[in-house]
Structure formats: structure tokens, C-alpha cells
C-alpha atoms as a PDB file:
ATOM      1  CA  MET A   1      32.574 -38.043 -99.578  1.00  0.00           C
ATOM      2  CA  PRO A   2      28.855 -38.870 -99.997  1.00  0.00           C
ATOM      3  CA  SER A   3      29.403 -41.973 -97.875  1.00  0.00           C
ATOM      4  CA  VAL A   4      30.347 -39.893 -94.818  1.00  0.00           C
ATOM      5  CA  ILE A   5      28.219 -36.771 -95.411  1.00  0.00           C
ATOM      6  CA  VAL A   6      25.014 -37.211 -93.459  1.00  0.00           C
ATOM      7  CA  ASP A   7      23.545 -33.852 -94.456  1.00  0.00           C
ATOM      8  CA  CYS A   8      24.726 -30.600 -96.000  1.00  0.00           C
ATOM      9  CA  ALA A   9      22.489 -27.554 -96.182  1.00  0.00           C
ATOM     10  CA  ILE A  10      22.535 -23.765 -96.317  1.00  0.00           C
ATOM     11  CA  TYR A  11      20.298 -21.905 -93.872  1.00  0.00           C
ATOM     12  CA  GLN A  12      19.308 -18.367 -94.756  1.00  0.00           C
ATOM     13  CA  ASP A  13      17.357 -16.282 -92.258  1.00  0.00           C
ATOM     14  CA  GLY A  14      16.599 -19.435 -90.282  1.00  0.00           C
ATOM     15  CA  ARG A  15      15.228 -21.433 -93.213  1.00  0.00           C
ATOM     16  CA  ARG A  16      16.735 -24.174 -95.288  1.00  0.00           C
ATOM     17  CA  ALA A  17      17.617 -22.900 -98.730  1.00  0.00           C
ATOM     18  CA  GLU A  18      18.545 -24.500-102.025  1.00  0.00           C
ATOM     19  CA  GLY A  19      22.262 -24.471-102.684  1.00  0.00           C
ATOM     20  CA  PRO A  20      25.123 -26.241-104.451  1.00  0.00           C
ATOM     21  CA  GLU A  21      25.547 -29.930-103.668  1.00  0.00           C
ATOM     22  CA  ASP A  22      29.305 -29.589-103.258  1.00  0.00           C
ATOM     23  CA  PHE A  23      30.102 -28.308 -99.770  1.00  0.00           C
ATOM     24  CA  SER A  24      32.916 -26.077-101.065  1.00  0.00           C
ATOM     25  CA  ASP A  25      30.550 -24.222-103.355  1.00  0.00           C
ATOM     26  CA  ALA A  26      27.897 -24.227-100.651  1.00  0.00           C
ATOM     27  CA  LEU A  27      30.301 -22.580 -98.196  1.00  0.00           C
ATOM     28  CA  GLU A  28      31.115 -19.840-100.717  1.00  0.00           C
ATOM     29  CA  ALA A  29      27.412 -19.294-101.352  1.00  0.00           C
ATOM     30  CA  ALA A  30      26.658 -19.076 -97.623  1.00  0.00           C
ATOM     31  CA  ARG A  31      29.398 -16.510 -97.083  1.00  0.00           C
ATOM     32  CA  ALA A  32      28.309 -14.503-100.106  1.00  0.00           C
ATOM     33  CA  GLU A  33      24.735 -14.215 -98.854  1.00  0.00           C
ATOM     34  CA  GLY A  34      23.804 -12.291 -95.770  1.00  0.00           C
ATOM     35  CA  HIS A  35      22.491 -13.996 -92.639  1.00  0.00           C
ATOM     36  CA  SER A  36      23.366 -17.444 -93.979  1.00  0.00           C
ATOM     37  CA  PHE A  37      25.487 -20.330 -92.812  1.00  0.00           C
ATOM     38  CA  LEU A  38      26.330 -23.870 -93.890  1.00  0.00           C
ATOM     39  CA  TRP A  39      25.707 -26.900 -91.684  1.00  0.00           C
ATOM     40  CA  LEU A  40      27.754 -29.923 -92.759  1.00  0.00           C
ATOM     41  CA  GLY A  41      27.238 -33.213 -90.896  1.00  0.00           C
ATOM     42  CA  LEU A  42      29.795 -36.038 -91.154  1.00  0.00           C
ATOM     43  CA  HIS A  43      29.847 -39.565 -89.750  1.00  0.00           C
ATOM     44  CA  GLU A  44      33.215 -41.166 -88.928  1.00  0.00           C
ATOM     45  CA  PRO A  45      35.225 -39.699 -91.843  1.00  0.00           C
ATOM     46  CA  THR A  46      38.641 -41.072 -92.701  1.00  0.00           C
ATOM     47  CA  GLU A  47      41.752 -38.921 -92.613  1.00  0.00           C
ATOM     48  CA  GLU A  48      41.683 -38.520 -96.397  1.00  0.00           C
ATOM     49  CA  GLU A  49      37.979 -37.662 -96.471  1.00  0.00           C
ATOM     50  CA  PHE A  50      38.253 -35.129 -93.673  1.00  0.00           C
ATOM     51  CA  GLY A  51      41.382 -33.598 -95.145  1.00  0.00           C
ATOM     52  CA  ARG A  52      39.419 -31.853 -97.864  1.00  0.00           C
ATOM     53  CA  VAL A  53      36.887 -30.572 -95.347  1.00  0.00           C
ATOM     54  CA  SER A  54      39.579 -29.192 -93.035  1.00  0.00           C
ATOM     55  CA  SER A  55      41.352 -27.411 -95.884  1.00  0.00           C
ATOM     56  CA  GLU A  56      38.146 -25.851 -97.239  1.00  0.00           C
ATOM     57  CA  PHE A  57      36.921 -24.682 -93.835  1.00  0.00           C
ATOM     58  CA  GLY A  58      40.347 -23.732 -92.485  1.00  0.00           C
ATOM     59  CA  LEU A  59      40.167 -26.013 -89.442  1.00  0.00           C
ATOM     60  CA  HIS A  60      43.099 -26.181 -87.052  1.00  0.00           C
ATOM     61  CA  PRO A  61      45.296 -29.327 -87.419  1.00  0.00           C
ATOM     62  CA  LEU A  62      45.106 -30.148 -83.700  1.00  0.00           C
ATOM     63  CA  ALA A  63      41.320 -30.016 -83.725  1.00  0.00           C
ATOM     64  CA  VAL A  64      41.268 -32.105 -86.906  1.00  0.00           C
ATOM     65  CA  GLU A  65      43.469 -34.710 -85.230  1.00  0.00           C
ATOM     66  CA  ASP A  66      41.111 -34.889 -82.239  1.00  0.00           C
ATOM     67  CA  ALA A  67      38.085 -35.177 -84.515  1.00  0.00           C
ATOM     68  CA  LEU A  68      39.617 -38.088 -86.404  1.00  0.00           C
ATOM     69  CA  LYS A  69      41.022 -40.066 -83.471  1.00  0.00           C
ATOM     70  CA  ALA A  70      38.010 -39.523 -81.199  1.00  0.00           C
ATOM     71  CA  HIS A  71      38.296 -40.851 -77.602  1.00  0.00           C
ATOM     72  CA  GLN A  72      38.346 -37.255 -76.359  1.00  0.00           C
ATOM     73  CA  ARG A  73      37.027 -35.748 -73.149  1.00  0.00           C
ATOM     74  CA  PRO A  74      34.285 -33.125 -73.466  1.00  0.00           C
ATOM     75  CA  LYS A  75      36.057 -29.812 -73.985  1.00  0.00           C
ATOM     76  CA  LEU A  76      36.029 -26.390 -75.622  1.00  0.00           C
ATOM     77  CA  GLU A  77      39.007 -25.087 -77.556  1.00  0.00           C
ATOM     78  CA  VAL A  78      39.325 -21.719 -79.282  1.00  0.00           C
ATOM     79  CA  TYR A  79      41.419 -21.338 -82.438  1.00  0.00           C
ATOM     80  CA  ASP A  80      41.977 -18.392 -84.730  1.00  0.00           C
ATOM     81  CA  ASP A  81      39.466 -19.417 -87.388  1.00  0.00           C
ATOM     82  CA  SER A  82      37.098 -21.721 -85.525  1.00  0.00           C
ATOM     83  CA  LEU A  83      35.681 -22.924 -82.248  1.00  0.00           C
ATOM     84  CA  PHE A  84      36.034 -26.636 -81.421  1.00  0.00           C
ATOM     85  CA  VAL A  85      33.631 -28.355 -79.009  1.00  0.00           C
ATOM     86  CA  VAL A  86      33.588 -32.023 -78.002  1.00  0.00           C
ATOM     87  CA  LEU A  87      30.453 -33.624 -76.539  1.00  0.00           C
ATOM     88  CA  LYS A  88      29.815 -37.206 -75.474  1.00  0.00           C
ATOM     89  CA  PRO A  89      26.239 -38.357 -76.116  1.00  0.00           C
ATOM     90  CA  ILE A  90      25.326 -41.612 -74.409  1.00  0.00           C
ATOM     91  CA  THR A  91      22.735 -44.331 -74.787  1.00  0.00           C
ATOM     92  CA  TYR A  92      21.587 -46.725 -72.071  1.00  0.00           C
ATOM     93  CA  ASP A  93      20.549 -50.283 -72.886  1.00  0.00           C
ATOM     94  CA  ASP A  94      18.130 -51.115 -70.101  1.00  0.00           C
ATOM     95  CA  ALA A  95      18.049 -54.829 -70.946  1.00  0.00           C
ATOM     96  CA  ALA A  96      21.841 -55.205 -70.894  1.00  0.00           C
ATOM     97  CA  GLY A  97      22.355 -52.548 -68.212  1.00  0.00           C
ATOM     98  CA  ALA A  98      25.151 -50.939 -70.226  1.00  0.00           C
ATOM     99  CA  ILE A  99      25.960 -47.356 -71.175  1.00  0.00           C
ATOM    100  CA  SER A 100      27.345 -46.818 -74.678  1.00  0.00           C
ATOM    101  CA  PRO A 101      29.128 -43.495 -75.158  1.00  0.00           C
ATOM    102  CA  SER A 102      29.631 -41.816 -78.505  1.00  0.00           C
ATOM    103  CA  GLU A 103      31.491 -38.659 -79.488  1.00  0.00           C
ATOM    104  CA  LEU A 104      30.301 -35.540 -81.225  1.00  0.00           C
ATOM    105  CA  MET A 105      32.692 -32.860 -82.454  1.00  0.00           C
ATOM    106  CA  ILE A 106      31.398 -29.437 -83.447  1.00  0.00           C
ATOM    107  CA  PHE A 107      33.384 -26.859 -85.424  1.00  0.00           C
ATOM    108  CA  LEU A 108      32.003 -23.289 -85.462  1.00  0.00           C
ATOM    109  CA  GLY A 109      33.435 -20.657 -87.718  1.00  0.00           C
ATOM    110  CA  ASP A 110      32.648 -17.898 -90.154  1.00  0.00           C
ATOM    111  CA  SER A 111      29.238 -18.844 -91.584  1.00  0.00           C
ATOM    112  CA  PHE A 112      29.609 -22.582 -91.009  1.00  0.00           C
ATOM    113  CA  VAL A 113      29.009 -25.443 -88.604  1.00  0.00           C
ATOM    114  CA  VAL A 114      30.725 -28.798 -89.133  1.00  0.00           C
ATOM    115  CA  THR A 115      29.617 -31.720 -86.970  1.00  0.00           C
ATOM    116  CA  VAL A 116      31.581 -34.968 -86.850  1.00  0.00           C
ATOM    117  CA  ARG A 117      29.922 -37.954 -85.241  1.00  0.00           C
ATOM    118  CA  HIS A 118      31.580 -41.125 -83.924  1.00  0.00           C
ATOM    119  CA  GLY A 119      29.318 -43.931 -82.727  1.00  0.00           C
ATOM    120  CA  GLU A 120      25.579 -44.380 -82.921  1.00  0.00           C
ATOM    121  CA  ALA A 121      24.344 -42.211 -80.043  1.00  0.00           C
ATOM    122  CA  SER A 122      23.671 -38.838 -81.619  1.00  0.00           C
ATOM    123  CA  PRO A 123      20.860 -36.273 -81.351  1.00  0.00           C
ATOM    124  CA  LEU A 124      21.887 -34.475 -84.555  1.00  0.00           C
ATOM    125  CA  ALA A 125      19.116 -35.724 -86.822  1.00  0.00           C
ATOM    126  CA  ALA A 126      16.406 -34.851 -84.309  1.00  0.00           C
ATOM    127  CA  VAL A 127      18.012 -31.489 -83.543  1.00  0.00           C
ATOM    128  CA  ARG A 128      18.248 -30.566 -87.223  1.00  0.00           C
ATOM    129  CA  ARG A 129      14.594 -31.462 -87.811  1.00  0.00           C
ATOM    130  CA  ARG A 130      13.499 -29.487 -84.766  1.00  0.00           C
ATOM    131  CA  LEU A 131      15.536 -26.421 -85.684  1.00  0.00           C
ATOM    132  CA  GLU A 132      14.227 -26.442 -89.239  1.00  0.00           C
ATOM    133  CA  HIS A 133      10.754 -26.034 -87.725  1.00  0.00           C
ATOM    134  CA  GLU A 134      11.974 -23.178 -85.507  1.00  0.00           C
ATOM    135  CA  PRO A 135      13.381 -20.561 -87.893  1.00  0.00           C
ATOM    136  CA  ASP A 136      13.370 -17.893 -85.173  1.00  0.00           C
ATOM    137  CA  VAL A 137      15.975 -19.938 -83.287  1.00  0.00           C
ATOM    138  CA  LEU A 138      17.933 -21.048 -86.330  1.00  0.00           C
ATOM    139  CA  ARG A 139      18.147 -17.424 -87.478  1.00  0.00           C
ATOM    140  CA  HIS A 140      20.840 -16.888 -84.832  1.00  0.00           C
ATOM    141  CA  GLY A 141      23.244 -18.922 -86.945  1.00  0.00           C
ATOM    142  CA  PRO A 142      25.879 -21.448 -85.826  1.00  0.00           C
ATOM    143  CA  THR A 143      25.428 -20.437 -82.190  1.00  0.00           C
ATOM    144  CA  ALA A 144      21.854 -21.753 -82.313  1.00  0.00           C
ATOM    145  CA  VAL A 145      23.124 -25.104 -83.587  1.00  0.00           C
ATOM    146  CA  LEU A 146      25.696 -25.358 -80.799  1.00  0.00           C
ATOM    147  CA  TYR A 147      23.095 -24.500 -78.176  1.00  0.00           C
ATOM    148  CA  ALA A 148      20.470 -26.907 -79.554  1.00  0.00           C
ATOM    149  CA  VAL A 149      22.919 -29.827 -79.806  1.00  0.00           C
ATOM    150  CA  GLY A 150      24.328 -29.215 -76.323  1.00  0.00           C
ATOM    151  CA  ASP A 151      20.843 -28.872 -74.868  1.00  0.00           C
ATOM    152  CA  ALA A 152      19.718 -32.146 -76.471  1.00  0.00           C
ATOM    153  CA  VAL A 153      22.785 -34.025 -75.210  1.00  0.00           C
ATOM    154  CA  VAL A 154      22.441 -32.716 -71.645  1.00  0.00           C
ATOM    155  CA  ASP A 155      18.687 -33.314 -71.507  1.00  0.00           C
ATOM    156  CA  HIS A 156      19.321 -36.924 -72.509  1.00  0.00           C
ATOM    157  CA  TYR A 157      21.791 -37.174 -69.622  1.00  0.00           C
ATOM    158  CA  ILE A 158      18.925 -36.426 -67.247  1.00  0.00           C
ATOM    159  CA  GLU A 159      16.747 -39.084 -68.895  1.00  0.00           C
ATOM    160  CA  VAL A 160      19.512 -41.688 -68.599  1.00  0.00           C
ATOM    161  CA  ALA A 161      20.079 -40.723 -64.962  1.00  0.00           C
ATOM    162  CA  ALA A 162      16.377 -41.365 -64.271  1.00  0.00           C
ATOM    163  CA  GLU A 163      16.610 -44.802 -65.920  1.00  0.00           C
ATOM    164  CA  LEU A 164      19.693 -45.634 -63.880  1.00  0.00           C
ATOM    165  CA  GLN A 165      17.862 -44.580 -60.726  1.00  0.00           C
ATOM    166  CA  VAL A 166      15.066 -47.069 -61.473  1.00  0.00           C
ATOM    167  CA  ASP A 167      17.541 -49.904 -62.059  1.00  0.00           C
ATOM    168  CA  LEU A 168      19.445 -48.970 -58.913  1.00  0.00           C
ATOM    169  CA  GLU A 169      16.261 -49.182 -56.847  1.00  0.00           C
ATOM    170  CA  GLU A 170      15.692 -52.693 -58.219  1.00  0.00           C
ATOM    171  CA  LEU A 171      19.258 -53.653 -57.320  1.00  0.00           C
ATOM    172  CA  GLU A 172      18.803 -52.195 -53.838  1.00  0.00           C
ATOM    173  CA  ALA A 173      15.621 -54.211 -53.334  1.00  0.00           C
ATOM    174  CA  GLU A 174      17.483 -57.350 -54.395  1.00  0.00           C
ATOM    175  CA  VAL A 175      20.335 -56.737 -51.965  1.00  0.00           C
ATOM    176  CA  PHE A 176      18.032 -56.098 -49.006  1.00  0.00           C
ATOM    177  CA  ALA A 177      15.501 -58.825 -49.829  1.00  0.00           C
ATOM    178  CA  PRO A 178      14.463 -60.744 -46.643  1.00  0.00           C
ATOM    179  CA  SER A 179      15.187 -64.171 -48.130  1.00  0.00           C
ATOM    180  CA  ARG A 180      18.198 -64.555 -50.378  1.00  0.00           C
ATOM    181  CA  GLY A 181      19.924 -67.514 -51.914  1.00  0.00           C
ATOM    182  CA  GLY A 182      23.611 -68.190 -52.304  1.00  0.00           C
ATOM    183  CA  ASP A 183      24.111 -65.590 -55.054  1.00  0.00           C
ATOM    184  CA  SER A 184      26.336 -63.224 -53.073  1.00  0.00           C
ATOM    185  CA  ASN A 185      29.088 -63.308 -55.673  1.00  0.00           C
ATOM    186  CA  ASN A 186      26.622 -62.525 -58.461  1.00  0.00           C
ATOM    187  CA  THR A 187      25.177 -59.625 -56.486  1.00  0.00           C
ATOM    188  CA  ALA A 188      28.606 -58.141 -55.798  1.00  0.00           C
ATOM    189  CA  ALA A 189      29.483 -58.499 -59.487  1.00  0.00           C
ATOM    190  CA  ALA A 190      26.225 -56.744 -60.430  1.00  0.00           C
ATOM    191  CA  ILE A 191      27.014 -53.861 -58.064  1.00  0.00           C
ATOM    192  CA  TYR A 192      30.522 -53.463 -59.455  1.00  0.00           C
ATOM    193  CA  ALA A 193      29.195 -53.624 -63.033  1.00  0.00           C
ATOM    194  CA  PHE A 194      26.626 -50.943 -62.225  1.00  0.00           C
ATOM    195  CA  LYS A 195      29.342 -48.815 -60.655  1.00  0.00           C
ATOM    196  CA  ARG A 196      31.392 -49.065 -63.863  1.00  0.00           C
ATOM    197  CA  GLU A 197      28.414 -47.822 -65.873  1.00  0.00           C
ATOM    198  CA  VAL A 198      27.984 -44.869 -63.510  1.00  0.00           C
ATOM    199  CA  LEU A 199      31.691 -44.114 -63.887  1.00  0.00           C
ATOM    200  CA  GLU A 200      31.274 -44.155 -67.673  1.00  0.00           C
ATOM    201  CA  PHE A 201      28.401 -41.729 -67.247  1.00  0.00           C
ATOM    202  CA  ARG A 202      30.545 -39.406 -65.127  1.00  0.00           C
ATOM    203  CA  ARG A 203      33.250 -39.370 -67.806  1.00  0.00           C
ATOM    204  CA  ALA A 204      30.672 -37.816 -70.133  1.00  0.00           C
ATOM    205  CA  THR A 205      29.111 -35.297 -67.759  1.00  0.00           C
ATOM    206  CA  ASN A 206      31.787 -34.017 -65.371  1.00  0.00           C
ATOM    207  CA  PRO A 207      34.299 -32.647 -67.927  1.00  0.00           C
ATOM    208  CA  LEU A 208      31.497 -30.760 -69.712  1.00  0.00           C
ATOM    209  CA  VAL A 209      31.031 -28.371 -66.772  1.00  0.00           C
ATOM    210  CA  GLU A 210      34.039 -26.200 -67.632  1.00  0.00           C
ATOM    211  CA  PRO A 211      33.113 -25.722 -71.341  1.00  0.00           C
ATOM    212  CA  MET A 212      29.560 -24.769 -70.379  1.00  0.00           C
ATOM    213  CA  LEU A 213      30.848 -22.216 -67.890  1.00  0.00           C
ATOM    214  CA  ARG A 214      33.023 -20.663 -70.583  1.00  0.00           C
ATOM    215  CA  LEU A 215      30.111 -20.477 -73.008  1.00  0.00           C
ATOM    216  CA  GLN A 216      28.086 -18.633 -70.364  1.00  0.00           C
ATOM    217  CA  ASN A 217      30.732 -15.915 -70.093  1.00  0.00           C
ATOM    218  CA  PRO A 218      31.489 -13.230 -72.696  1.00  0.00           C
ATOM    219  CA  GLY A 219      34.563 -13.320 -74.871  1.00  0.00           C
ATOM    220  CA  VAL A 220      34.148 -16.688 -76.607  1.00  0.00           C
ATOM    221  CA  PRO A 221      34.525 -16.094 -80.358  1.00  0.00           C
ATOM    222  CA  PHE A 222      31.874 -17.219 -82.859  1.00  0.00           C
ATOM    223  CA  VAL A 223      29.272 -17.286 -80.036  1.00  0.00           C
ATOM    224  CA  HIS A 224      26.768 -14.441 -79.747  1.00  0.00           C
ATOM    225  CA  ASP A 225      26.573 -12.702 -76.395  1.00  0.00           C
ATOM    226  CA  GLU A 226      22.784 -12.960 -76.567  1.00  0.00           C
ATOM    227  CA  ALA A 227      23.125 -16.755 -76.315  1.00  0.00           C
ATOM    228  CA  ARG A 228      24.754 -16.691 -72.876  1.00  0.00           C
ATOM    229  CA  PRO A 229      21.436 -17.100 -70.941  1.00  0.00           C
ATOM    230  CA  PHE A 230      20.598 -20.141 -73.048  1.00  0.00           C
ATOM    231  CA  PHE A 231      23.938 -21.793 -72.297  1.00  0.00           C
ATOM    232  CA  ARG A 232      23.355 -20.932 -68.638  1.00  0.00           C
ATOM    233  CA  ASP A 233      20.148 -22.946 -68.831  1.00  0.00           C
ATOM    234  CA  VAL A 234      22.069 -25.880 -70.342  1.00  0.00           C
ATOM    235  CA  GLY A 235      24.606 -25.527 -67.534  1.00  0.00           C
ATOM    236  CA  ASP A 236      21.802 -25.743 -64.950  1.00  0.00           C
ATOM    237  CA  HIS A 237      20.546 -28.960 -66.529  1.00  0.00           C
ATOM    238  CA  LEU A 238      24.089 -30.307 -66.569  1.00  0.00           C
ATOM    239  CA  THR A 239      24.390 -29.549 -62.849  1.00  0.00           C
ATOM    240  CA  ARG A 240      21.231 -31.574 -62.240  1.00  0.00           C
ATOM    241  CA  ALA A 241      22.652 -34.460 -64.241  1.00  0.00           C
ATOM    242  CA  ASN A 242      25.943 -34.352 -62.341  1.00  0.00           C
ATOM    243  CA  GLU A 243      24.148 -34.252 -58.999  1.00  0.00           C
ATOM    244  CA  SER A 244      22.110 -37.284 -60.034  1.00  0.00           C
ATOM    245  CA  VAL A 245      25.252 -39.166 -61.066  1.00  0.00           C
ATOM    246  CA  GLU A 246      27.022 -38.310 -57.807  1.00  0.00           C
ATOM    247  CA  GLY A 247      23.969 -39.451 -55.856  1.00  0.00           C
ATOM    248  CA  LEU A 248      23.923 -42.737 -57.758  1.00  0.00           C
ATOM    249  CA  ASP A 249      27.602 -43.280 -57.068  1.00  0.00           C
ATOM    250  CA  ARG A 250      27.236 -42.599 -53.334  1.00  0.00           C
ATOM    251  CA  LEU A 251      24.204 -44.864 -53.065  1.00  0.00           C
ATOM    252  CA  LEU A 252      26.044 -47.621 -54.911  1.00  0.00           C
ATOM    253  CA  SER A 253      28.939 -47.365 -52.467  1.00  0.00           C
ATOM    254  CA  ASP A 254      26.488 -47.601 -49.549  1.00  0.00           C
ATOM    255  CA  ILE A 255      24.748 -50.610 -51.112  1.00  0.00           C
ATOM    256  CA  LEU A 256      28.080 -52.333 -51.677  1.00  0.00           C
ATOM    257  CA  SER A 257      29.142 -51.697 -48.060  1.00  0.00           C
ATOM    258  CA  ALA A 258      25.809 -53.040 -46.813  1.00  0.00           C
ATOM    259  CA  HIS A 259      26.131 -56.109 -49.010  1.00  0.00           C
ATOM    260  CA  LEU A 260      29.643 -56.827 -47.723  1.00  0.00           C
ATOM    261  CA  ALA A 261      28.392 -56.404 -44.154  1.00  0.00           C
ATOM    262  CA  GLN A 262      25.578 -58.862 -44.891  1.00  0.00           C
ATOM    263  CA  MET A 263      28.097 -61.353 -46.220  1.00  0.00           C
ATOM    264  CA  GLY A 264      30.171 -60.981 -43.042  1.00  0.00           C
ATOM    265  CA  VAL A 265      27.124 -61.573 -40.821  1.00  0.00           C
ATOM    266  CA  ARG A 266      26.108 -64.550 -42.938  1.00  0.00           C
ATOM    267  CA  GLN A 267      29.600 -66.040 -42.646  1.00  0.00           C
ATOM    268  CA  ASN A 268      29.494 -65.614 -38.856  1.00  0.00           C
ATOM    269  CA  ASP A 269      26.145 -67.417 -38.777  1.00  0.00           C
ATOM    270  CA  ASP A 270      27.594 -70.228 -40.846  1.00  0.00           C
ATOM    271  CA  MET A 271      30.618 -70.508 -38.551  1.00  0.00           C
ATOM    272  CA  ARG A 272      28.354 -70.727 -35.482  1.00  0.00           C
ATOM    273  CA  LYS A 273      26.339 -73.492 -37.098  1.00  0.00           C
ATOM    274  CA  ILE A 274      29.478 -75.378 -38.069  1.00  0.00           C
ATOM    275  CA  SER A 275      30.842 -75.006 -34.521  1.00  0.00           C
ATOM    276  CA  ALA A 276      27.552 -76.204 -33.013  1.00  0.00           C
ATOM    277  CA  TRP A 277      27.441 -79.310 -35.212  1.00  0.00           C
ATOM    278  CA  ALA A 278      31.113 -79.967 -34.477  1.00  0.00           C
ATOM    279  CA  ALA A 279      30.372 -79.809 -30.737  1.00  0.00           C
ATOM    280  CA  LEU A 280      27.466 -82.245 -31.169  1.00  0.00           C
ATOM    281  CA  ALA A 281      29.746 -84.646 -32.987  1.00  0.00           C
ATOM    282  CA  ALA A 282      32.603 -84.239 -30.502  1.00  0.00           C
ATOM    283  CA  VAL A 283      30.708 -85.483 -27.401  1.00  0.00           C
ATOM    284  CA  PRO A 284      29.912 -89.039 -28.588  1.00  0.00           C
ATOM    285  CA  THR A 285      33.305 -89.222 -30.242  1.00  0.00           C
ATOM    286  CA  LEU A 286      34.997 -88.365 -26.937  1.00  0.00           C
ATOM    287  CA  ILE A 287      32.988 -90.887 -24.912  1.00  0.00           C
ATOM    288  CA  ALA A 288      33.418 -93.623 -27.519  1.00  0.00           C
ATOM    289  CA  GLY A 289      37.123 -92.855 -27.712  1.00  0.00           C
ATOM    290  CA  VAL A 290      37.559 -93.203 -23.948  1.00  0.00           C
ATOM    291  CA  TYR A 291      35.844 -96.592 -23.786  1.00  0.00           C
ATOM    292  CA  GLY A 292      37.567 -97.802 -26.906  1.00  0.00           C
ATOM    293  CA  MET A 293      41.105 -97.639 -25.472  1.00  0.00           C
ATOM    294  CA  ASN A 294      41.155-101.418 -24.750  1.00  0.00           C
ATOM    295  CA  PHE A 295      42.606-101.206 -21.223  1.00  0.00           C
ATOM    296  CA  GLU A 296      41.851-104.236 -19.098  1.00  0.00           C
ATOM    297  CA  HIS A 297      41.327-102.442 -15.776  1.00  0.00           C
ATOM    298  CA  MET A 298      38.758 -99.760 -16.599  1.00  0.00           C
ATOM    299  CA  PRO A 299      35.708 -98.898 -14.476  1.00  0.00           C
ATOM    300  CA  GLU A 300      32.248 -99.849 -15.691  1.00  0.00           C
ATOM    301  CA  LEU A 301      33.642-102.483 -18.088  1.00  0.00           C
ATOM    302  CA  LYS A 302      32.046-105.314 -16.124  1.00  0.00           C
ATOM    303  CA  TRP A 303      28.595-103.724 -15.924  1.00  0.00           C
ATOM    304  CA  SER A 304      25.980-105.772 -17.739  1.00  0.00           C
ATOM    305  CA  TRP A 305      24.032-102.598 -18.674  1.00  0.00           C
ATOM    306  CA  GLY A 306      27.107-100.419 -19.244  1.00  0.00           C
ATOM    307  CA  TYR A 307      26.840-100.354 -23.051  1.00  0.00           C
ATOM    308  CA  TYR A 308      23.214 -99.222 -22.992  1.00  0.00           C
ATOM    309  CA  GLY A 309      23.948 -96.746 -20.241  1.00  0.00           C
ATOM    310  CA  ILE A 310      26.731 -95.091 -22.253  1.00  0.00           C
ATOM    311  CA  LEU A 311      24.451 -94.850 -25.293  1.00  0.00           C
ATOM    312  CA  LEU A 312      21.752 -93.282 -23.140  1.00  0.00           C
ATOM    313  CA  LEU A 313      24.290 -90.805 -21.742  1.00  0.00           C
ATOM    314  CA  MET A 314      25.339 -89.830 -25.269  1.00  0.00           C
ATOM    315  CA  VAL A 315      21.738 -89.267 -26.309  1.00  0.00           C
ATOM    316  CA  VAL A 316      20.943 -87.159 -23.241  1.00  0.00           C
ATOM    317  CA  ILE A 317      24.015 -84.966 -23.673  1.00  0.00           C
ATOM    318  CA  GLU A 318      23.301 -84.543 -27.406  1.00  0.00           C
ATOM    319  CA  LEU A 319      19.718 -83.500 -26.693  1.00  0.00           C
ATOM    320  CA  LEU A 320      20.822 -80.998 -24.067  1.00  0.00           C
ATOM    321  CA  LEU A 321      23.448 -79.485 -26.406  1.00  0.00           C
ATOM    322  CA  TYR A 322      21.015 -79.337 -29.329  1.00  0.00           C
ATOM    323  CA  ARG A 323      18.412 -77.578 -27.182  1.00  0.00           C
ATOM    324  CA  THR A 324      20.978 -75.080 -25.899  1.00  0.00           C
ATOM    325  CA  PHE A 325      22.340 -74.261 -29.380  1.00  0.00           C
ATOM    326  CA  LYS A 326      18.841 -73.994 -30.816  1.00  0.00           C
ATOM    327  CA  ARG A 327      17.730 -71.588 -28.093  1.00  0.00           C
ATOM    328  CA  ARG A 328      20.766 -69.357 -28.776  1.00  0.00           C
ATOM    329  CA  GLY A 329      20.177 -69.373 -32.525  1.00  0.00           C
ATOM    330  CA  TRP A 330      23.265 -71.343 -33.438  1.00  0.00           C
ATOM    331  CA  LEU A 331      21.224 -74.005 -35.237  1.00  0.00           C
END
């Protein structure tokens, strides 16, 4: 178990207290003392390792199964002996332009909080340090932990949305640059890749709206009614994050449509140029073909200056066609 236990501590009256190293004994001590609770943090436990935790804390088998398998949508589920919350923290690699989601499961019950982390993106360490310096907040028990973790996750959503907005502006400038090379396929691929990252972002933020609404309303067990305004604040931040994501998605769709329209215009320009050059090549070919038919009785065959005259005619016609196409923007 030490390999998966990130931290295990008893908090009494908002302050970290000395307690047994074994989490079973620590849970008994927290329940025996007033105004105390145990916060146990785990990182990617196996089924065997988490089995002991679930039996000691009385966790529901369905919630345990979700915590072990991961790949869950953000949600809130209420069981008889605990409250189960799933969050999806994310990290954004600006250099690679990729969003990496993680999963964070939170169990709230009688005098305990159990957090299970999958992946590397997690605010738990920073949240624990911050709460340990704010005993007035931590004094509210497991509800304070749930609020602080949710607030940290949602606030990071807003930061990631701002970073995505900056990258999207750079992509927009690239698409609408006055002079562009033949990298249309690469640009379309970049837009689609960016759209996939935004979709990954939406998978983390959109499903969290319903759990936050439930936490704002009374009747959720193991959550103090006094905490409802704080969860309402988290819900407001989540709304901002969702609005930013929706705006990014709409703008990406507009940029993609504009890029496809640019490609269509560019293809039409190319076809006009090809047609103009084909017309320039067709005139001398036609004249040469007529006088290359090898008939004996053809006009102008006996002219001494006929060859030079035909060449001059070809040149004059070519110059007139070139000037006409150039003036119309076909060349």
C-alpha cells in the first residue's frame, strides 16, 4: 500500500494532527475524535490494493469499479455510506498543442475523504498544501476538500481555455496570411487536430455542469448546506469555461470553412491559369496542324514569304491572347 498512498493525514479542527500510520487505525481515530476527518490520497491503485480501502471505508462496489477502471465522465453519485464524485483535470502542452486529460475520483463519507488519481494532471498536492495553511476553511471537513479540489480543477480549465485562445489566434493569422505557400493540407490537418483538442476539453467540462448544479442545491448527503454558495461560485467559473470552449469550437468551424473557401478560390485561379496557357498553346498548334496536312493544292503554299508570314501571325495572335488574359487576371 505505501506505493500507492500519496498522503494520509488526520485533520482536527482544520489542522493536521499526528495519528496512526495505518489508514484503518487513522480512520478509527478520526471518528473517535470530534471535528476530525481523514484524508487518504491514492495514485492508480490496483484492484487488490484498493480492495482493503473499500472494505475499511465501506465504499460501494459500483463506485469502486469506476474508480479502478477510470475512463469515466465527470459525475456525482450518491450511495448510502458515501458520496462519489468524478472530475477530469487536464493539462495542455503548448509546444505539442495537445490536451492530456486525467481522472480524479473523490469519495466523501463519515469523517473521511478518499481521493484516487489516474494520470499526471492533478491539483491535489497544491490543494492540500493550500488548505493546510487555511484552517478556517479546512475546519468544515470533507466538504471543504471537495470544494477546494473542484475549484482548483475548474479554475485550471479557464487557464487552459486562455492558452487555447492564444494558439487559435495564431492559427487564424496563419490561415488568413496574405501570402501563403502550398501547405493547404497541413493547415487543414492543423485545424482538425486543434478541433480534436477542443473536443477533448469539452468532454471534461460539459458533463461537470450537472454535478455542480446538484451540489448547489440542498439535499446532497455528506455536503454541508453552508457550502452551497461556494459550489455556486465554482459553477459560475465552470460556465465561463464552457462558454470559452463553445466559442473556440465555433471559431474553429468558421476558420475551417474560410480555409476551405480559400482552397476553392485558389483552385479556380489555378484552373483559369491552366486554361489560359492551354489556349496560348492551342493557337500555334492549330495553325501548324492546318499547314502540316500535306495536301498538294493548298492556298499560300507557293508564297515565298509564307513560312515567315505564318510565324509572324502566330506571334501576333499569341501576344494578343497573352495581353487579354493578363488584363483579366488569368495569368
